Amino acid sequence: MTALGPEQCVHCGSCTSVCPVYRATGRESLTARGKLHLLGTEFAAHPSPVFQDLFAQCLLCGACENTCPRRVPTRELIVEARSRFPALYGRHGLRKVGARFALARPALLEGLVRGGVMLSNLELLPADSGLRRKLGLLESMVESHLDRKEAVPARKIEKATGIHYFAGCLARYLQPSVAQAAGRLTERLTSSPLLQPPEQVCCGLVAWSAGAKEEARQLAKRNILAFAGSSGSILTSCASCSAHLAMYPKLFADDPEWREQAELFSARVREFSTFILAAAGNVGLRASEDRRVFYHQPCHLRFDPANSGAADMLLRGVAGVTLAESAEGPLCCGQGGLFHLGYPELTERIFASAHAACTATAADLVVTSCSGCLLQWQAGLALRRSRVLAVHLAVFLDSCLDNNS
């Protein structure tokens, strides 16, 4: 079967109403339909800076593909176009390349986080500084924004049978309380510790999204090798990481040897909420106090055909929790990996819509399972000096253990 290309777009416009960027800007050229049209013109052969900027303004959320009657693979086509752009394409190109550089190098990322925590603790920046608010999201020690509990670290065992943990950049470096909570939950619900190979690196989603395909493949190879020689499920607490790990075989479509290894690896990957729901069984979960919870469903999960709504079911099963649902339904938060670094003003406009929808529900807690979405909500709420907290699903569920009296 021939792969669908931009010429398969019938220009019906279904994608316009669901595109977060279009809803914030009203610009047809920024929709999937607009970009697919441009790919069929002579401008695509020699993309100008304006062309590159248009293609940089996409969250790759998948909303357009989900509603497209032809199921045109818009995200893959946009990434393919980006792969032909110079490294610093779009706005704030150096900022985005710098972020990718750090994410691909664990030692550098760890050092930057430590430096950021030290700078935040010195309190040299003004209290209302945007940088200080962002640095305040980093953790220097295992801590939870809800109830503190004794830490149960993910064990660093390289080759074993059991439940393995792909931590991702957030849980491993930026907010290790997420990894600690995931470890406690898993051990409590399955009686098995999480096994965490130390050689694992960034999943490579940001590299792939930027069009840096070879960089994405190199990161994928390192992760495949990190979990080689072991068996059992590979659990990750980030919905975006989970989605990208599952697509590793596509990265090696032209490399049979690595494609086979990628298929074996991806077949072991388990999405966090689905795994925890299956493991929870009859374990009673109770919030430490009555909570009105707004669940932000990550786009990588929302538009996954295999999405079973497990997170919703988990939260509905927690005693003391009222699920606050927006009349508008799930909305993109605007983070988009490196998108928020290139287009912060546009990101803020997209987030403002999601925040308004959340505010209308009178929720006192935002819960999500995507690293990028979590940081976006935490930063956005801090900017607004909101009393509403944003926490990872693992952290919240962990706080709901052992509360039954």
Foldseek 3Di string as FASTA:
>chain_A
DDADALVPQPLPCQQQVFFLLCVLPVDPCLTLNNLSVVCPDPCLVPPDLVNLQSLLQGLLLCSSLLRGPVSHVSLLNSLQSLLPDPQQHHFPSVVLVVVVVQQQDPVSVQVVLVVLQVVLVVVPDDPLDLSNLLSVQFDPDQDFPADDDDFDAQAADQAEEDEEEDEADCCVHGHVNLRRLLQVLCCVLPVDGYHYHPQQGHCQPSCSSSSVLVSNLVNLVSRLVSNPNYDAAYEYLALVSLLSLLCNLVSVVVPVVVSVSSNRRNVRYDYHLVVSLVSCPPAAFEALAQFEEEEAERSSQVSDPPRPCSLVVVQVRYHNYHHQAFPVGHFHQQQSNCSCVNCVVSSLSRNVVVVVRVVVSVGQEYEYRHSRVQSSVSSNCVSVVHNRYYDYSSSRRSNRHPSDD
